């Protein structure tokens, strides 16, 4: 199964961005979302931001991922 994780864009530098993904910062490629800006929320899969999403969608998805992880404990 493949999964994309929501993340908030912290900084953008050409075709790369630093994102905050549930409290962890990562560098991701932005080739698929060239119009991304600081403060946007993106879905990250395999090291790339693949889609810009609205903040509510990002929050709901993050909550579902946390709920699933807690259920597996």
N, C-alpha and C. Protein backbone atom coordinates (compact mmCIF):
# COMPACT_ATOMS: atom_id res chain seq x y z
N UNK A 1 0.84 -1.17 0.00
CA UNK A 1 0.00 0.00 0.00
C UNK A 1 0.89 1.24 0.00
N UNK A 2 0.51 2.21 -0.80
CA UNK A 2 1.21 3.49 -0.83
C UNK A 2 0.40 4.51 -0.03
N UNK A 3 1.10 5.41 0.60
CA UNK A 3 0.43 6.42 1.41
C UNK A 3 1.15 7.75 1.24
N UNK A 4 0.38 8.83 1.23
CA UNK A 4 0.95 10.18 1.17
C UNK A 4 0.63 10.86 2.50
N UNK A 5 1.61 11.55 3.04
CA UNK A 5 1.49 12.18 4.35
C UNK A 5 1.33 13.69 4.17
N UNK A 6 0.39 14.31 4.88
CA UNK A 6 0.26 15.77 4.77
C UNK A 6 1.42 16.47 5.48
N UNK A 7 1.82 17.60 4.93
CA UNK A 7 2.92 18.38 5.50
C UNK A 7 2.72 19.85 5.19
N UNK A 8 3.19 20.70 6.10
CA UNK A 8 3.12 22.15 5.91
C UNK A 8 4.46 22.64 5.38
N UNK A 9 4.45 23.45 4.34
CA UNK A 9 5.66 23.97 3.72
C UNK A 9 6.24 25.07 4.60
N UNK A 10 7.50 24.90 5.00
CA UNK A 10 8.21 25.85 5.86
C UNK A 10 9.06 26.82 5.04
N UNK A 11 9.71 26.30 4.00
CA UNK A 11 10.52 27.15 3.12
C UNK A 11 10.58 26.51 1.74
N UNK A 12 10.84 27.35 0.74
CA UNK A 12 10.94 26.89 -0.65
C UNK A 12 12.23 27.43 -1.23
N UNK A 13 12.97 26.57 -1.93
CA UNK A 13 14.21 26.96 -2.60
C UNK A 13 14.25 26.27 -3.95
N UNK A 14 13.89 27.01 -4.99
CA UNK A 14 13.81 26.48 -6.35
C UNK A 14 12.88 25.28 -6.39
N UNK A 15 13.36 24.10 -6.68
CA UNK A 15 12.51 22.92 -6.83
C UNK A 15 12.55 22.01 -5.60
N UNK A 16 12.91 22.58 -4.45
CA UNK A 16 12.94 21.84 -3.19
C UNK A 16 12.20 22.65 -2.13
N UNK A 17 11.69 21.96 -1.13
CA UNK A 17 11.02 22.65 -0.03
C UNK A 17 11.31 21.92 1.27
N UNK A 18 11.39 22.69 2.35
CA UNK A 18 11.45 22.10 3.68
C UNK A 18 10.02 22.05 4.18
N UNK A 19 9.59 20.87 4.65
CA UNK A 19 8.23 20.71 5.14
C UNK A 19 8.23 20.19 6.57
N UNK A 20 7.17 20.53 7.28
CA UNK A 20 6.95 20.00 8.63
C UNK A 20 5.89 18.93 8.50
N UNK A 21 6.29 17.71 8.79
CA UNK A 21 5.44 16.54 8.65
C UNK A 21 5.22 15.94 10.04
N UNK A 22 4.13 16.34 10.69
CA UNK A 22 3.81 15.84 12.03
C UNK A 22 4.95 16.08 13.02
N UNK A 23 5.57 17.26 12.93
CA UNK A 23 6.64 17.62 13.85
C UNK A 23 8.04 17.25 13.38
N UNK A 24 8.15 16.61 12.25
CA UNK A 24 9.44 16.24 11.68
C UNK A 24 9.68 17.04 10.42
N UNK A 25 10.85 17.65 10.32
CA UNK A 25 11.17 18.42 9.12
C UNK A 25 11.89 17.54 8.11
N UNK A 26 11.49 17.69 6.86
CA UNK A 26 12.07 16.94 5.75
C UNK A 26 12.26 17.87 4.56
N UNK A 27 13.18 17.52 3.69
CA UNK A 27 13.35 18.22 2.42
C UNK A 27 12.68 17.35 1.35
N UNK A 28 11.83 17.98 0.54
CA UNK A 28 11.11 17.24 -0.50
C UNK A 28 11.22 17.98 -1.83
N UNK A 29 11.07 17.23 -2.91
CA UNK A 29 11.05 17.82 -4.24
C UNK A 29 9.68 18.45 -4.52
N UNK A 30 9.69 19.55 -5.25
CA UNK A 30 8.44 20.23 -5.57
C UNK A 30 8.18 20.26 -7.08
N UNK A 31 8.79 19.36 -7.81
CA UNK A 31 8.66 19.32 -9.27
C UNK A 31 7.21 19.17 -9.72
N UNK A 32 6.40 18.48 -8.93
CA UNK A 32 5.01 18.23 -9.30
C UNK A 32 4.06 19.32 -8.84
N UNK A 33 4.55 20.23 -8.00
CA UNK A 33 3.73 21.35 -7.51
C UNK A 33 4.56 22.63 -7.60
N UNK A 34 4.88 23.09 -8.80
CA UNK A 34 5.79 24.22 -8.96
C UNK A 34 5.28 25.54 -8.38
N UNK A 35 3.98 25.66 -8.12
CA UNK A 35 3.42 26.90 -7.57
C UNK A 35 3.32 26.90 -6.05
N UNK A 36 3.92 25.90 -5.39
CA UNK A 36 3.83 25.79 -3.93
C UNK A 36 4.47 27.00 -3.26
N UNK A 37 3.86 27.42 -2.14
CA UNK A 37 4.37 28.58 -1.40
C UNK A 37 4.48 28.22 0.08
N UNK A 38 5.29 28.99 0.81
CA UNK A 38 5.42 28.81 2.25
C UNK A 38 4.03 28.93 2.87
N UNK A 39 3.72 27.99 3.76
CA UNK A 39 2.42 27.97 4.43
C UNK A 39 1.42 27.03 3.78
N UNK A 40 1.67 26.63 2.52
CA UNK A 40 0.79 25.66 1.86
C UNK A 40 0.90 24.31 2.54
N UNK A 41 -0.13 23.51 2.38
CA UNK A 41 -0.10 22.12 2.82
C UNK A 41 -0.02 21.25 1.57
N UNK A 42 0.84 20.24 1.63
CA UNK A 42 1.03 19.34 0.51
C UNK A 42 0.94 17.90 0.99
N UNK A 43 0.68 17.01 0.06
CA UNK A 43 0.79 15.58 0.33
C UNK A 43 2.16 15.14 -0.15
N UNK A 44 2.88 14.42 0.71
CA UNK A 44 4.24 13.98 0.39
C UNK A 44 4.26 12.46 0.24
N UNK A 45 4.83 12.02 -0.87
CA UNK A 45 4.99 10.59 -1.13
C UNK A 45 6.35 10.38 -1.78
N UNK A 46 7.12 9.46 -1.24
CA UNK A 46 8.41 9.07 -1.80
C UNK A 46 9.35 10.26 -2.00
N UNK A 47 9.31 11.22 -1.06
CA UNK A 47 10.23 12.34 -1.12
C UNK A 47 9.80 13.49 -2.01
N UNK A 48 8.57 13.44 -2.51
CA UNK A 48 8.07 14.50 -3.38
C UNK A 48 6.72 15.01 -2.90
N UNK A 49 6.53 16.32 -2.97
CA UNK A 49 5.21 16.90 -2.77
C UNK A 49 4.43 16.60 -4.05
N UNK A 50 3.30 15.90 -3.91
CA UNK A 50 2.58 15.47 -5.10
C UNK A 50 1.30 16.26 -5.35
N UNK A 51 0.83 17.00 -4.32
CA UNK A 51 -0.41 17.74 -4.49
C UNK A 51 -0.51 18.80 -3.38
N UNK A 52 -1.02 19.96 -3.72
CA UNK A 52 -1.33 20.99 -2.73
C UNK A 52 -2.76 20.72 -2.25
N UNK A 53 -2.93 20.71 -0.92
CA UNK A 53 -4.26 20.43 -0.35
C UNK A 53 -4.63 21.54 0.63
N UNK A 54 -5.93 21.63 0.93
CA UNK A 54 -6.36 22.67 1.87
C UNK A 54 -6.03 22.23 3.30
N UNK A 55 -5.88 23.21 4.20
CA UNK A 55 -5.47 22.91 5.58
C UNK A 55 -6.42 21.95 6.30
N UNK A 56 -7.71 22.07 6.07
CA UNK A 56 -8.68 21.19 6.73
C UNK A 56 -8.47 19.74 6.31
N UNK A 57 -8.27 19.53 5.02
CA UNK A 57 -8.02 18.17 4.51
C UNK A 57 -6.73 17.61 5.13
N UNK A 58 -5.70 18.44 5.20
CA UNK A 58 -4.43 18.00 5.79
C UNK A 58 -4.62 17.60 7.25
N UNK A 59 -5.36 18.41 8.00
CA UNK A 59 -5.59 18.12 9.42
C UNK A 59 -6.38 16.83 9.60
N UNK A 60 -7.43 16.66 8.82
CA UNK A 60 -8.25 15.44 8.92
C UNK A 60 -7.44 14.20 8.57
N UNK A 61 -6.62 14.29 7.55
CA UNK A 61 -5.79 13.16 7.14
C UNK A 61 -4.77 12.82 8.22
N UNK A 62 -4.15 13.84 8.80
CA UNK A 62 -3.17 13.62 9.88
C UNK A 62 -3.85 12.95 11.08
N UNK A 63 -5.04 13.40 11.44
CA UNK A 63 -5.77 12.80 12.56
C UNK A 63 -6.09 11.33 12.28
N UNK A 64 -6.48 11.02 11.06
CA UNK A 64 -6.76 9.62 10.71
C UNK A 64 -5.50 8.76 10.79
N UNK A 65 -4.38 9.29 10.35
CA UNK A 65 -3.12 8.54 10.42
C UNK A 65 -2.72 8.27 11.87
N UNK A 66 -2.89 9.27 12.74
CA UNK A 66 -2.58 9.10 14.16
C UNK A 66 -3.53 8.08 14.79
N UNK A 67 -4.81 8.17 14.45
CA UNK A 67 -5.79 7.21 14.97
C UNK A 67 -5.44 5.78 14.56
N UNK A 68 -5.06 5.61 13.32
CA UNK A 68 -4.67 4.27 12.82
C UNK A 68 -3.42 3.77 13.54
N UNK A 69 -2.43 4.63 13.72
CA UNK A 69 -1.20 4.22 14.42
C UNK A 69 -1.51 3.82 15.86
N UNK A 70 -2.36 4.58 16.53
CA UNK A 70 -2.72 4.26 17.92
C UNK A 70 -3.48 2.95 18.00
N UNK A 71 -4.32 2.65 17.03
CA UNK A 71 -5.08 1.42 17.01
C UNK A 71 -4.17 0.19 16.87
N UNK A 72 -3.02 0.37 16.24
CA UNK A 72 -2.09 -0.74 16.01
C UNK A 72 -1.21 -1.01 17.23
N UNK A 73 -1.21 -0.10 18.21
CA UNK A 73 -0.37 -0.29 19.40
C UNK A 73 -0.95 -1.33 20.34
